[in-house]
Amino acid sequence: SLQMLIGQHDERLSTLQGESAQHQQDAQRELSNLKQLMDQHDERLSTLREESAQSQEAAQNELNSLQMLIGQHDERLSTLQGESAQHQQDAQRELSNLKQLMDQHDE
């Protein structure tokens, strides 16, 4: 009877050790999968950060280019306005000279 109990106990112990080993393998596999997923996540996060930085840099470069073009445009506009004012003065002077000549001619 004691022998039978010891036999049942040994059998149960053996079963539990087998289950425990199986659980350890399952846990190890799960841990390995989680680690792989975390590594992939970190890699993706790193890629996204890099792409975001490149995007921001490209946007900043575009903004700088636009600001430079606006500056050049303003400069050109200012020059043209100056030239236009000069042409108006010249035309006014020319008109005045012509009027004066016509008045002298009429006299």
C-alpha atoms as a PDB file:
ATOM      1  CA  SER A   1       0.000   0.000   0.000  1.00  0.00           C
ATOM      2  CA  LEU A   2       2.823   2.379   0.915  1.00  0.00           C
ATOM      3  CA  GLN A   3       4.670   1.147  -2.138  1.00  0.00           C
ATOM      4  CA  MET A   4       1.575   1.927  -4.248  1.00  0.00           C
ATOM      5  CA  LEU A   5       1.302   5.446  -2.779  1.00  0.00           C
ATOM      6  CA  ILE A   6       4.996   6.078  -3.464  1.00  0.00           C
ATOM      7  CA  GLY A   7       4.476   4.827  -7.044  1.00  0.00           C
ATOM      8  CA  GLN A   8       1.470   7.143  -7.558  1.00  0.00           C
ATOM      9  CA  HIS A   9       3.411  10.004  -6.021  1.00  0.00           C
ATOM     10  CA  ASP A  10       6.399   9.390  -8.313  1.00  0.00           C
ATOM     11  CA  GLU A  11       4.080   9.203 -11.317  1.00  0.00           C
ATOM     12  CA  ARG A  12       2.356  12.452 -10.328  1.00  0.00           C
ATOM     13  CA  LEU A  13       5.731  14.110  -9.713  1.00  0.00           C
ATOM     14  CA  SER A  14       6.962  12.991 -13.120  1.00  0.00           C
ATOM     15  CA  THR A  15       3.786  14.354 -14.762  1.00  0.00           C
ATOM     16  CA  LEU A  16       4.167  17.691 -12.951  1.00  0.00           C
ATOM     17  CA  GLN A  17       7.850  17.932 -13.938  1.00  0.00           C
ATOM     18  CA  GLY A  18       6.878  17.305 -17.564  1.00  0.00           C
ATOM     19  CA  GLU A  19       4.166  19.957 -17.420  1.00  0.00           C
ATOM     20  CA  SER A  20       6.535  22.375 -15.713  1.00  0.00           C
ATOM     21  CA  ALA A  21       9.171  21.848 -18.415  1.00  0.00           C
ATOM     22  CA  GLN A  22       6.478  22.394 -21.067  1.00  0.00           C
ATOM     23  CA  HIS A  23       5.333  25.608 -19.329  1.00  0.00           C
ATOM     24  CA  GLN A  24       8.921  26.854 -19.185  1.00  0.00           C
ATOM     25  CA  GLN A  25       9.348  26.179 -22.908  1.00  0.00           C
ATOM     26  CA  ASP A  26       6.050  27.978 -23.664  1.00  0.00           C
ATOM     27  CA  ALA A  27       7.039  30.933 -21.466  1.00  0.00           C
ATOM     28  CA  GLN A  28      10.485  31.063 -23.104  1.00  0.00           C
ATOM     29  CA  ARG A  29       8.911  31.016 -26.589  1.00  0.00           C
ATOM     30  CA  GLU A  30       6.452  33.759 -25.575  1.00  0.00           C
ATOM     31  CA  LEU A  31       9.271  35.861 -24.137  1.00  0.00           C
ATOM     32  CA  SER A  32      11.284  35.407 -27.321  1.00  0.00           C
ATOM     33  CA  ASN A  33       8.277  36.478 -29.438  1.00  0.00           C
ATOM     34  CA  LEU A  34       7.721  39.537 -27.250  1.00  0.00           C
ATOM     35  CA  LYS A  35      11.387  40.501 -27.519  1.00  0.00           C
ATOM     36  CA  GLN A  36      11.218  40.167 -31.314  1.00  0.00           C
ATOM     37  CA  LEU A  37       8.077  42.333 -31.424  1.00  0.00           C
ATOM     38  CA  MET A  38       9.721  44.958 -29.210  1.00  0.00           C
ATOM     39  CA  ASP A  39      12.800  45.017 -31.439  1.00  0.00           C
ATOM     40  CA  GLN A  40      10.595  45.472 -34.521  1.00  0.00           C
ATOM     41  CA  HIS A  41       8.680  48.222 -32.716  1.00  0.00           C
ATOM     42  CA  ASP A  42      11.910  50.011 -31.738  1.00  0.00           C
ATOM     43  CA  GLU A  43      13.174  49.737 -35.312  1.00  0.00           C
ATOM     44  CA  ARG A  44       9.911  51.144 -36.703  1.00  0.00           C
ATOM     45  CA  LEU A  45       9.927  53.953 -34.142  1.00  0.00           C
ATOM     46  CA  SER A  46      13.495  54.806 -35.074  1.00  0.00           C
ATOM     47  CA  THR A  47      12.580  54.836 -38.785  1.00  0.00           C
ATOM     48  CA  LEU A  48       9.574  57.089 -38.127  1.00  0.00           C
ATOM     49  CA  ARG A  49      11.682  59.508 -36.079  1.00  0.00           C
ATOM     50  CA  GLU A  50      14.251  59.647 -38.879  1.00  0.00           C
ATOM     51  CA  GLU A  51      11.557  60.199 -41.530  1.00  0.00           C
ATOM     52  CA  SER A  52       9.975  62.894 -39.371  1.00  0.00           C
ATOM     53  CA  ALA A  53      13.321  64.658 -38.971  1.00  0.00           C
ATOM     54  CA  GLN A  54      13.887  64.478 -42.754  1.00  0.00           C
ATOM     55  CA  SER A  55      10.381  65.806 -43.346  1.00  0.00           C
ATOM     56  CA  GLN A  56      10.945  68.713 -40.991  1.00  0.00           C
ATOM     57  CA  GLU A  57      14.282  69.480 -42.646  1.00  0.00           C
ATOM     58  CA  ALA A  58      12.703  69.386 -46.122  1.00  0.00           C
ATOM     59  CA  ALA A  59       9.876  71.678 -44.977  1.00  0.00           C
ATOM     60  CA  GLN A  60      12.391  74.095 -43.417  1.00  0.00           C
ATOM     61  CA  ASN A  61      14.470  74.119 -46.622  1.00  0.00           C
ATOM     62  CA  GLU A  62      11.324  74.828 -48.661  1.00  0.00           C
ATOM     63  CA  LEU A  63      10.387  77.660 -46.302  1.00  0.00           C
ATOM     64  CA  ASN A  64      13.899  79.133 -46.537  1.00  0.00           C
ATOM     65  CA  SER A  65      13.754  78.982 -50.351  1.00  0.00           C
ATOM     66  CA  LEU A  66      10.370  80.700 -50.408  1.00  0.00           C
ATOM     67  CA  GLN A  67      11.551  83.423 -48.041  1.00  0.00           C
ATOM     68  CA  MET A  68      14.592  84.017 -50.234  1.00  0.00           C
ATOM     69  CA  LEU A  69      12.409  84.226 -53.360  1.00  0.00           C
ATOM     70  CA  ILE A  70      10.056  86.661 -51.614  1.00  0.00           C
ATOM     71  CA  GLY A  71      13.071  88.763 -50.616  1.00  0.00           C
ATOM     72  CA  GLN A  72      14.337  88.808 -54.206  1.00  0.00           C
ATOM     73  CA  HIS A  73      10.847  89.649 -55.473  1.00  0.00           C
ATOM     74  CA  ASP A  74      10.516  92.547 -53.011  1.00  0.00           C
ATOM     75  CA  GLU A  75      13.928  93.854 -54.053  1.00  0.00           C
ATOM     76  CA  ARG A  76      13.015  93.650 -57.758  1.00  0.00           C
ATOM     77  CA  LEU A  77       9.658  95.309 -57.119  1.00  0.00           C
ATOM     78  CA  SER A  78      11.354  98.133 -55.258  1.00  0.00           C
ATOM     79  CA  THR A  79      13.823  98.607 -58.136  1.00  0.00           C
ATOM     80  CA  LEU A  80      11.005  98.647 -60.701  1.00  0.00           C
ATOM     81  CA  GLN A  81       9.025 101.173 -58.643  1.00  0.00           C
ATOM     82  CA  GLY A  82      12.114 103.359 -58.478  1.00  0.00           C
ATOM     83  CA  GLU A  83      12.640 103.082 -62.244  1.00  0.00           C
ATOM     84  CA  SER A  84       8.957 103.792 -62.866  1.00  0.00           C
ATOM     85  CA  ALA A  85       9.099 106.943 -60.729  1.00  0.00           C
ATOM     86  CA  GLN A  86      12.216 108.032 -62.635  1.00  0.00           C
ATOM     87  CA  HIS A  87      10.490 107.417 -65.992  1.00  0.00           C
ATOM     88  CA  GLN A  88       7.492 109.440 -64.858  1.00  0.00           C
ATOM     89  CA  GLN A  89       9.762 112.303 -63.832  1.00  0.00           C
ATOM     90  CA  ASP A  90      11.604 112.085 -67.164  1.00  0.00           C
ATOM     91  CA  ALA A  91       8.325 112.010 -69.094  1.00  0.00           C
ATOM     92  CA  GLN A  92       6.975 114.941 -67.076  1.00  0.00           C
ATOM     93  CA  ARG A  93      10.170 116.911 -67.735  1.00  0.00           C
ATOM     94  CA  GLU A  94      10.002 116.036 -71.448  1.00  0.00           C
ATOM     95  CA  LEU A  95       6.354 117.104 -71.611  1.00  0.00           C
ATOM     96  CA  SER A  96       7.175 120.330 -69.828  1.00  0.00           C
ATOM     97  CA  ASN A  97      10.030 121.028 -72.275  1.00  0.00           C
ATOM     98  CA  LEU A  98       7.756 120.336 -75.245  1.00  0.00           C
ATOM     99  CA  LYS A  99       5.066 122.616 -73.830  1.00  0.00           C
ATOM    100  CA  GLN A 100       7.662 125.344 -73.304  1.00  0.00           C
ATOM    101  CA  LEU A 101       8.930 124.949 -76.876  1.00  0.00           C
ATOM    102  CA  MET A 102       5.391 125.087 -78.209  1.00  0.00           C
ATOM    103  CA  ASP A 103       4.683 128.223 -76.190  1.00  0.00           C
ATOM    104  CA  GLN A 104       7.876 129.844 -77.544  1.00  0.00           C
ATOM    105  CA  HIS A 105       6.934 128.773 -81.041  1.00  0.00           C
ATOM    106  CA  ASP A 106       3.490 130.342 -80.654  1.00  0.00           C
ATOM    107  CA  GLU A 107       4.991 133.648 -79.532  1.00  0.00           C
END
